[in-house]
């Protein structure tokens, strides 16, 4: 579902993060790995102290299951309580 940033629908579906926020966090994680790769810990036979993934609000707290599907329009309408009469329409 497409909604402009700053709206309640966007916050609910994207957990407040924009594409730019995700890309910046990914770039920081890449830099963390590059810096770590130059350390003596990374050069050992069994590397130690590998950088951990940076936390992302909502995504790490709520574990998404592979079987989770995107919300359909009917699901959204039911969740918000909007009633639409579709009788007689094709």
PDB file of N, CA and C in Angstrom:
ATOM      1  N   UNK A   1       0.850  -1.171   0.000  1.00  0.00           N
ATOM      2  CA  UNK A   1       0.000   0.000   0.000  1.00  0.00           C
ATOM      3  C   UNK A   1       0.898   1.238   0.000  1.00  0.00           C
ATOM      4  N   UNK A   2       0.621   2.152  -0.887  1.00  0.00           N
ATOM      5  CA  UNK A   2       1.412   3.363  -0.987  1.00  0.00           C
ATOM      6  C   UNK A   2       0.733   4.480  -0.213  1.00  0.00           C
ATOM      7  N   UNK A   3       1.477   5.095   0.668  1.00  0.00           N
ATOM      8  CA  UNK A   3       0.982   6.226   1.432  1.00  0.00           C
ATOM      9  C   UNK A   3       2.148   7.191   1.617  1.00  0.00           C
ATOM     10  N   UNK A   4       1.891   8.497   1.650  1.00  0.00           N
ATOM     11  CA  UNK A   4       2.992   9.443   1.818  1.00  0.00           C
ATOM     12  C   UNK A   4       3.595   9.365   3.220  1.00  0.00           C
ATOM     13  N   UNK A   5       4.916   9.558   3.334  1.00  0.00           N
ATOM     14  CA  UNK A   5       5.552   9.563   4.658  1.00  0.00           C
ATOM     15  C   UNK A   5       4.904  10.608   5.569  1.00  0.00           C
ATOM     16  N   UNK A   6       4.782  10.253   6.828  1.00  0.00           N
ATOM     17  CA  UNK A   6       4.181  11.153   7.797  1.00  0.00           C
ATOM     18  C   UNK A   6       2.720  10.855   8.076  1.00  0.00           C
ATOM     19  N   UNK A   7       2.112   9.973   7.280  1.00  0.00           N
ATOM     20  CA  UNK A   7       0.711   9.627   7.516  1.00  0.00           C
ATOM     21  C   UNK A   7       0.631   8.408   8.429  1.00  0.00           C
ATOM     22  N   UNK A   8      -0.537   8.200   9.003  1.00  0.00           N
ATOM     23  CA  UNK A   8      -0.732   7.068   9.908  1.00  0.00           C
ATOM     24  C   UNK A   8      -0.623   5.742   9.167  1.00  0.00           C
ATOM     25  N   UNK A   9      -1.104   5.702   7.938  1.00  0.00           N
ATOM     26  CA  UNK A   9      -1.024   4.463   7.155  1.00  0.00           C
ATOM     27  C   UNK A   9       0.437   4.131   6.874  1.00  0.00           C
ATOM     28  N   UNK A  10       1.232   5.143   6.519  1.00  0.00           N
ATOM     29  CA  UNK A  10       2.655   4.914   6.248  1.00  0.00           C
ATOM     30  C   UNK A  10       3.359   4.414   7.509  1.00  0.00           C
ATOM     31  N   UNK A  11       3.081   5.041   8.645  1.00  0.00           N
ATOM     32  CA  UNK A  11       3.718   4.640   9.903  1.00  0.00           C
ATOM     33  C   UNK A  11       3.343   3.210  10.280  1.00  0.00           C
ATOM     34  N   UNK A  12       2.102   2.828  10.023  1.00  0.00           N
ATOM     35  CA  UNK A  12       1.658   1.477  10.370  1.00  0.00           C
ATOM     36  C   UNK A  12       2.261   0.426   9.450  1.00  0.00           C
ATOM     37  N   UNK A  13       2.390   0.739   8.166  1.00  0.00           N
ATOM     38  CA  UNK A  13       2.891  -0.256   7.226  1.00  0.00           C
ATOM     39  C   UNK A  13       4.406  -0.292   7.138  1.00  0.00           C
ATOM     40  N   UNK A  14       5.074   0.832   7.378  1.00  0.00           N
ATOM     41  CA  UNK A  14       6.536   0.891   7.262  1.00  0.00           C
ATOM     42  C   UNK A  14       7.238   1.049   8.600  1.00  0.00           C
ATOM     43  N   UNK A  15       6.484   1.081   9.670  1.00  0.00           N
ATOM     44  CA  UNK A  15       7.012   1.225  11.024  1.00  0.00           C
ATOM     45  C   UNK A  15       7.871   2.480  11.178  1.00  0.00           C
ATOM     46  N   UNK A  16       7.507   3.531  10.434  1.00  0.00           N
ATOM     47  CA  UNK A  16       8.152   4.821  10.597  1.00  0.00           C
ATOM     48  C   UNK A  16       9.442   5.018   9.824  1.00  0.00           C
ATOM     49  N   UNK A  17       9.927   4.004   9.134  1.00  0.00           N
ATOM     50  CA  UNK A  17      11.203   4.124   8.407  1.00  0.00           C
ATOM     51  C   UNK A  17      10.967   4.359   6.936  1.00  0.00           C
ATOM     52  N   UNK A  18      11.706   5.316   6.375  1.00  0.00           N
ATOM     53  CA  UNK A  18      11.640   5.560   4.939  1.00  0.00           C
ATOM     54  C   UNK A  18      12.701   4.718   4.243  1.00  0.00           C
ATOM     55  N   UNK A  19      12.651   4.685   2.929  1.00  0.00           N
ATOM     56  CA  UNK A  19      13.655   3.951   2.154  1.00  0.00           C
ATOM     57  C   UNK A  19      15.041   4.533   2.438  1.00  0.00           C
ATOM     58  N   UNK A  20      15.136   5.850   2.545  1.00  0.00           N
ATOM     59  CA  UNK A  20      16.421   6.494   2.835  1.00  0.00           C
ATOM     60  C   UNK A  20      16.984   6.041   4.179  1.00  0.00           C
ATOM     61  N   UNK A  21      16.122   5.910   5.175  1.00  0.00           N
ATOM     62  CA  UNK A  21      16.572   5.448   6.490  1.00  0.00           C
ATOM     63  C   UNK A  21      17.168   4.040   6.400  1.00  0.00           C
ATOM     64  N   UNK A  22      16.501   3.167   5.662  1.00  0.00           N
ATOM     65  CA  UNK A  22      17.009   1.796   5.501  1.00  0.00           C
ATOM     66  C   UNK A  22      18.331   1.789   4.741  1.00  0.00           C
ATOM     67  N   UNK A  23      18.434   2.579   3.684  1.00  0.00           N
ATOM     68  CA  UNK A  23      19.668   2.623   2.902  1.00  0.00           C
ATOM     69  C   UNK A  23      20.836   3.182   3.705  1.00  0.00           C
ATOM     70  N   UNK A  24      20.578   4.204   4.501  1.00  0.00           N
ATOM     71  CA  UNK A  24      21.644   4.759   5.339  1.00  0.00           C
ATOM     72  C   UNK A  24      22.117   3.760   6.387  1.00  0.00           C
ATOM     73  N   UNK A  25      21.194   3.040   6.979  1.00  0.00           N
ATOM     74  CA  UNK A  25      21.567   2.029   7.962  1.00  0.00           C
ATOM     75  C   UNK A  25      22.361   0.906   7.302  1.00  0.00           C
ATOM     76  N   UNK A  26      21.962   0.507   6.102  1.00  0.00           N
ATOM     77  CA  UNK A  26      22.717  -0.509   5.364  1.00  0.00           C
ATOM     78  C   UNK A  26      24.135  -0.023   5.063  1.00  0.00           C
ATOM     79  N   UNK A  27      24.272   1.240   4.673  1.00  0.00           N
ATOM     80  CA  UNK A  27      25.595   1.791   4.369  1.00  0.00           C
ATOM     81  C   UNK A  27      26.482   1.819   5.615  1.00  0.00           C
ATOM     82  N   UNK A  28      25.908   2.152   6.748  1.00  0.00           N
ATOM     83  CA  UNK A  28      26.677   2.168   7.999  1.00  0.00           C
ATOM     84  C   UNK A  28      27.129   0.757   8.359  1.00  0.00           C
ATOM     85  N   UNK A  29      26.247  -0.229   8.142  1.00  0.00           N
ATOM     86  CA  UNK A  29      26.632  -1.615   8.426  1.00  0.00           C
ATOM     87  C   UNK A  29      27.766  -2.079   7.513  1.00  0.00           C
ATOM     88  N   UNK A  30      27.747  -1.672   6.265  1.00  0.00           N
ATOM     89  CA  UNK A  30      28.834  -2.021   5.339  1.00  0.00           C
ATOM     90  C   UNK A  30      30.141  -1.404   5.821  1.00  0.00           C
ATOM     91  N   UNK A  31      30.093  -0.157   6.256  1.00  0.00           N
ATOM     92  CA  UNK A  31      31.298   0.498   6.782  1.00  0.00           C
ATOM     93  C   UNK A  31      31.804  -0.197   8.044  1.00  0.00           C
ATOM     94  N   UNK A  32      30.882  -0.627   8.899  1.00  0.00           N
ATOM     95  CA  UNK A  32      31.280  -1.378  10.095  1.00  0.00           C
ATOM     96  C   UNK A  32      32.055  -2.637   9.708  1.00  0.00           C
ATOM     97  N   UNK A  33      31.556  -3.358   8.702  1.00  0.00           N
ATOM     98  CA  UNK A  33      32.217  -4.590   8.262  1.00  0.00           C
ATOM     99  C   UNK A  33      33.567  -4.304   7.610  1.00  0.00           C
ATOM    100  N   UNK A  34      33.647  -3.219   6.843  1.00  0.00           N
ATOM    101  CA  UNK A  34      34.926  -2.873   6.217  1.00  0.00           C
ATOM    102  C   UNK A  34      35.978  -2.518   7.265  1.00  0.00           C
ATOM    103  N   UNK A  35      35.588  -1.762   8.262  1.00  0.00           N
ATOM    104  CA  UNK A  35      36.528  -1.412   9.331  1.00  0.00           C
ATOM    105  C   UNK A  35      36.940  -2.648  10.116  1.00  0.00           C
ATOM    106  N   UNK A  36      35.978  -3.518  10.399  1.00  0.00           N
ATOM    107  CA  UNK A  36      36.273  -4.741  11.147  1.00  0.00           C
ATOM    108  C   UNK A  36      37.205  -5.648  10.360  1.00  0.00           C
ATOM    109  N   UNK A  37      37.050  -5.686   9.036  1.00  0.00           N
ATOM    110  CA  UNK A  37      37.862  -6.572   8.197  1.00  0.00           C
ATOM    111  C   UNK A  37      39.354  -6.242   8.291  1.00  0.00           C
ATOM    112  N   UNK A  38      39.696  -5.030   8.660  1.00  0.00           N
ATOM    113  CA  UNK A  38      41.105  -4.616   8.774  1.00  0.00           C
ATOM    114  C   UNK A  38      41.705  -4.901  10.155  1.00  0.00           C
ATOM    115  N   UNK A  39      40.895  -5.420  11.081  1.00  0.00           N
ATOM    116  CA  UNK A  39      41.395  -5.677  12.431  1.00  0.00           C
ATOM    117  C   UNK A  39      42.034  -7.056  12.507  1.00  0.00           C
ATOM    118  N   UNK A  40      42.787  -7.282  13.569  1.00  0.00           N
ATOM    119  CA  UNK A  40      43.422  -8.591  13.772  1.00  0.00           C
ATOM    120  C   UNK A  40      42.377  -9.659  14.108  1.00  0.00           C
ATOM    121  N   UNK A  41      41.256  -9.254  14.720  1.00  0.00           N
ATOM    122  CA  UNK A  41      40.186 -10.215  15.028  1.00  0.00           C
ATOM    123  C   UNK A  41      39.629 -10.832  13.749  1.00  0.00           C
ATOM    124  N   UNK A  42      39.514 -10.053  12.697  1.00  0.00           N
ATOM    125  CA  UNK A  42      38.961 -10.559  11.441  1.00  0.00           C
ATOM    126  C   UNK A  42      39.959 -11.444  10.700  1.00  0.00           C
ATOM    127  N   UNK A  43      41.250 -11.271  10.957  1.00  0.00           N
ATOM    128  CA  UNK A  43      42.283 -12.013  10.236  1.00  0.00           C
ATOM    129  C   UNK A  43      42.561 -13.389  10.845  1.00  0.00           C
ATOM    130  N   UNK A  44      41.990 -13.675  11.985  1.00  0.00           N
ATOM    131  CA  UNK A  44      42.233 -14.965  12.638  1.00  0.00           C
ATOM    132  C   UNK A  44      41.526 -16.093  11.888  1.00  0.00           C
ATOM    133  N   UNK A  45      41.960 -17.320  12.181  1.00  0.00           N
ATOM    134  CA  UNK A  45      41.372 -18.487  11.527  1.00  0.00           C
ATOM    135  C   UNK A  45      39.868 -18.571  11.816  1.00  0.00           C
ATOM    136  N   UNK A  46      39.498 -18.289  13.057  1.00  0.00           N
ATOM    137  CA  UNK A  46      38.081 -18.179  13.421  1.00  0.00           C
ATOM    138  C   UNK A  46      37.836 -16.720  13.807  1.00  0.00           C
ATOM    139  N   UNK A  47      37.270 -15.929  12.899  1.00  0.00           N
ATOM    140  CA  UNK A  47      37.082 -14.499  13.166  1.00  0.00           C
ATOM    141  C   UNK A  47      36.250 -14.240  14.417  1.00  0.00           C
ATOM    142  N   UNK A  48      36.639 -13.202  15.144  1.00  0.00           N
ATOM    143  CA  UNK A  48      35.948 -12.842  16.387  1.00  0.00           C
ATOM    144  C   UNK A  48      35.426 -11.413  16.293  1.00  0.00           C
ATOM    145  N   UNK A  49      34.497 -11.117  17.153  1.00  0.00           N
ATOM    146  CA  UNK A  49      33.938  -9.778  17.317  1.00  0.00           C
ATOM    147  C   UNK A  49      33.402  -9.196  16.015  1.00  0.00           C
ATOM    148  N   UNK A  50      32.730 -10.025  15.241  1.00  0.00           N
ATOM    149  CA  UNK A  50      32.133  -9.553  13.994  1.00  0.00           C
ATOM    150  C   UNK A  50      31.047  -8.528  14.329  1.00  0.00           C
ATOM    151  N   UNK A  51      30.963  -7.435  13.574  1.00  0.00           N
ATOM    152  CA  UNK A  51      29.951  -6.408  13.873  1.00  0.00           C
ATOM    153  C   UNK A  51      28.535  -6.972  13.779  1.00  0.00           C
ATOM    154  N   UNK A  52      27.702  -6.507  14.682  1.00  0.00           N
ATOM    155  CA  UNK A  52      26.312  -6.961  14.693  1.00  0.00           C
ATOM    156  C   UNK A  52      25.462  -6.034  13.834  1.00  0.00           C
ATOM    157  N   UNK A  53      24.309  -6.548  13.478  1.00  0.00           N
ATOM    158  CA  UNK A  53      23.363  -5.773  12.689  1.00  0.00           C
ATOM    159  C   UNK A  53      22.833  -4.609  13.516  1.00  0.00           C
ATOM    160  N   UNK A  54      22.701  -3.454  12.900  1.00  0.00           N
ATOM    161  CA  UNK A  54      22.169  -2.279  13.591  1.00  0.00           C
ATOM    162  C   UNK A  54      20.666  -2.444  13.799  1.00  0.00           C
ATOM    163  N   UNK A  55      20.177  -2.014  14.954  1.00  0.00           N
ATOM    164  CA  UNK A  55      18.736  -2.165  15.216  1.00  0.00           C
ATOM    165  C   UNK A  55      17.904  -1.268  14.312  1.00  0.00           C
ATOM    166  N   UNK A  56      16.774  -1.795  13.903  1.00  0.00           N
ATOM    167  CA  UNK A  56      15.809  -1.042  13.109  1.00  0.00           C
ATOM    168  C   UNK A  56      14.479  -1.092  13.862  1.00  0.00           C
ATOM    169  N   UNK A  57      13.917   0.049  14.199  1.00  0.00           N
ATOM    170  CA  UNK A  57      12.679   0.064  14.981  1.00  0.00           C
ATOM    171  C   UNK A  57      11.570  -0.735  14.318  1.00  0.00           C
ATOM    172  N   UNK A  58      10.937  -1.571  15.121  1.00  0.00           N
ATOM    173  CA  UNK A  58       9.806  -2.339  14.634  1.00  0.00           C
ATOM    174  C   UNK A  58      10.184  -3.601  13.899  1.00  0.00           C
ATOM    175  N   UNK A  59      11.216  -3.583  13.084  1.00  0.00           N
ATOM    176  CA  UNK A  59      11.562  -4.749  12.292  1.00  0.00           C
ATOM    177  C   UNK A  59      12.235  -5.818  13.132  1.00  0.00           C
ATOM    178  N   UNK A  60      13.083  -5.427  14.072  1.00  0.00           N
ATOM    179  CA  UNK A  60      13.746  -6.409  14.910  1.00  0.00           C
ATOM    180  C   UNK A  60      12.848  -6.858  16.060  1.00  0.00           C
ATOM    181  N   UNK A  61      12.007  -5.964  16.540  1.00  0.00           N
ATOM    182  CA  UNK A  61      11.137  -6.293  17.669  1.00  0.00           C
ATOM    183  C   UNK A  61      10.024  -7.257  17.253  1.00  0.00           C
ATOM    184  N   UNK A  62       9.516  -7.070  16.048  1.00  0.00           N
ATOM    185  CA  UNK A  62       8.444  -7.931  15.545  1.00  0.00           C
ATOM    186  C   UNK A  62       9.056  -8.859  14.513  1.00  0.00           C
ATOM    187  N   UNK A  63       9.157 -10.120  14.862  1.00  0.00           N
ATOM    188  CA  UNK A  63       9.719 -11.105  13.943  1.00  0.00           C
ATOM    189  C   UNK A  63       8.672 -11.432  12.886  1.00  0.00           C
ATOM    190  N   UNK A  64       8.999 -11.151  11.641  1.00  0.00           N
ATOM    191  CA  UNK A  64       8.061 -11.426  10.574  1.00  0.00           C
ATOM    192  C   UNK A  64       8.249 -12.856  10.092  1.00  0.00           C
ATOM    193  N   UNK A  65       7.135 -13.514   9.887  1.00  0.00           N
ATOM    194  CA  UNK A  65       7.158 -14.892   9.423  1.00  0.00           C
ATOM    195  C   UNK A  65       7.140 -14.902   7.897  1.00  0.00           C
ATOM    196  N   UNK A  66       7.781 -15.887   7.291  1.00  0.00           N
ATOM    197  CA  UNK A  66       7.764 -15.952   5.826  1.00  0.00           C
ATOM    198  C   UNK A  66       6.367 -16.080   5.238  1.00  0.00           C
ATOM    199  N   UNK A  67       5.438 -16.659   6.003  1.00  0.00           N
ATOM    200  CA  UNK A  67       4.092 -16.829   5.475  1.00  0.00           C
ATOM    201  C   UNK A  67       3.238 -15.571   5.609  1.00  0.00           C
ATOM    202  N   UNK A  68       3.757 -14.510   6.262  1.00  0.00           N
ATOM    203  CA  UNK A  68       3.013 -13.259   6.358  1.00  0.00           C
ATOM    204  C   UNK A  68       2.823 -12.677   4.961  1.00  0.00           C
ATOM    205  N   UNK A  69       1.605 -12.276   4.670  1.00  0.00           N
ATOM    206  CA  UNK A  69       1.285 -11.728   3.359  1.00  0.00           C
ATOM    207  C   UNK A  69       0.999 -10.239   3.502  1.00  0.00           C
ATOM    208  N   UNK A  70       1.168  -9.479   2.436  1.00  0.00           N
ATOM    209  CA  UNK A  70       0.790  -8.067   2.481  1.00  0.00           C
ATOM    210  C   UNK A  70      -0.706  -7.926   2.738  1.00  0.00           C
ATOM    211  N   UNK A  71      -1.076  -6.832   3.358  1.00  0.00           N
ATOM    212  CA  UNK A  71      -2.477  -6.576   3.670  1.00  0.00           C
ATOM    213  C   UNK A  71      -3.243  -6.254   2.390  1.00  0.00           C
ATOM    214  N   UNK A  72      -4.383  -6.878   2.210  1.00  0.00           N
ATOM    215  CA  UNK A  72      -5.234  -6.592   1.059  1.00  0.00           C
ATOM    216  C   UNK A  72      -6.138  -5.409   1.380  1.00  0.00           C
ATOM    217  N   UNK A  73      -6.779  -4.884   0.350  1.00  0.00           N
ATOM    218  CA  UNK A  73      -7.703  -3.768   0.553  1.00  0.00           C
ATOM    219  C   UNK A  73      -8.853  -4.204   1.451  1.00  0.00           C
ATOM    220  N   UNK A  74      -9.352  -5.408   1.236  1.00  0.00           N
ATOM    221  CA  UNK A  74     -10.458  -5.915   2.067  1.00  0.00           C
ATOM    222  C   UNK A  74     -10.031  -6.034   3.530  1.00  0.00           C
ATOM    223  N   UNK A  75      -8.801  -6.514   3.770  1.00  0.00           N
ATOM    224  CA  UNK A  75      -8.287  -6.603   5.142  1.00  0.00           C
ATOM    225  C   UNK A  75      -8.174  -5.221   5.776  1.00  0.00           C
ATOM    226  N   UNK A  76      -7.682  -4.263   4.987  1.00  0.00           N
ATOM    227  CA  UNK A  76      -7.522  -2.896   5.496  1.00  0.00           C
ATOM    228  C   UNK A  76      -8.886  -2.297   5.852  1.00  0.00           C
ATOM    229  N   UNK A  77      -9.860  -2.481   4.971  1.00  0.00           N
ATOM    230  CA  UNK A  77     -11.188  -1.943   5.240  1.00  0.00           C
ATOM    231  C   UNK A  77     -11.801  -2.588   6.473  1.00  0.00           C
ATOM    232  N   UNK A  78     -11.630  -3.899   6.624  1.00  0.00           N
ATOM    233  CA  UNK A  78     -12.160  -4.592   7.794  1.00  0.00           C
ATOM    234  C   UNK A  78     -11.466  -4.113   9.069  1.00  0.00           C
ATOM    235  N   UNK A  79     -10.153  -3.890   8.984  1.00  0.00           N
ATOM    236  CA  UNK A  79      -9.399  -3.457  10.157  1.00  0.00           C
ATOM    237  C   UNK A  79      -9.792  -2.044  10.597  1.00  0.00           C
ATOM    238  N   UNK A  80     -10.095  -1.179   9.628  1.00  0.00           N
ATOM    239  CA  UNK A  80     -10.456   0.195   9.959  1.00  0.00           C
ATOM    240  C   UNK A  80     -11.929   0.377  10.249  1.00  0.00           C
ATOM    241  N   UNK A  81     -12.732  -0.660   9.933  1.00  0.00           N
ATOM    242  CA  UNK A  81     -14.163  -0.567  10.207  1.00  0.00           C
ATOM    243  C   UNK A  81     -14.953   0.110   9.110  1.00  0.00           C
ATOM    244  N   UNK A  82     -14.336   0.337   7.965  1.00  0.00           N
ATOM    245  CA  UNK A  82     -15.040   0.959   6.842  1.00  0.00           C
ATOM    246  C   UNK A  82     -15.894  -0.106   6.168  1.00  0.00           C
ATOM    247  N   UNK A  83     -17.173   0.227   5.962  1.00  0.00           N
ATOM    248  CA  UNK A  83     -18.083  -0.716   5.322  1.00  0.00           C
ATOM    249  C   UNK A  83     -18.352  -0.218   3.902  1.00  0.00           C
ATOM    250  N   UNK A  84     -18.116  -1.077   2.932  1.00  0.00           N
ATOM    251  CA  UNK A  84     -18.344  -0.746   1.530  1.00  0.00           C
ATOM    252  C   UNK A  84     -19.340  -1.739   0.965  1.00  0.00           C
ATOM    253  N   UNK A  85     -20.420  -1.228   0.378  1.00  0.00           N
ATOM    254  CA  UNK A  85     -21.430  -2.095  -0.220  1.00  0.00           C
ATOM    255  C   UNK A  85     -21.035  -2.333  -1.666  1.00  0.00           C
ATOM    256  N   UNK A  86     -20.653  -3.576  -1.979  1.00  0.00           N
ATOM    257  CA  UNK A  86     -20.201  -3.923  -3.322  1.00  0.00           C
ATOM    258  C   UNK A  86     -21.265  -4.679  -4.114  1.00  0.00           C
ATOM    259  N   UNK A  87     -22.474  -4.743  -3.605  1.00  0.00           N
ATOM    260  CA  UNK A  87     -23.539  -5.468  -4.299  1.00  0.00           C
ATOM    261  C   UNK A  87     -23.927  -4.722  -5.572  1.00  0.00           C
ATOM    262  N   UNK A  88     -24.128  -5.500  -6.643  1.00  0.00           N
ATOM    263  CA  UNK A  88     -24.544  -4.899  -7.905  1.00  0.00           C
ATOM    264  C   UNK A  88     -23.390  -4.339  -8.735  1.00  0.00           C
ATOM    265  N   UNK A  89     -22.166  -4.421  -8.236  1.00  0.00           N
ATOM    266  CA  UNK A  89     -21.002  -3.928  -8.991  1.00  0.00           C
ATOM    267  C   UNK A  89     -20.227  -5.103  -9.541  1.00  0.00           C
ATOM    268  N   UNK A  90     -19.683  -4.922 -10.713  1.00  0.00           N
ATOM    269  CA  UNK A  90     -18.887  -5.991 -11.309  1.00  0.00           C
ATOM    270  C   UNK A  90     -17.528  -5.486 -11.669  1.00  0.00           C
TER     271      UNK A  90
END
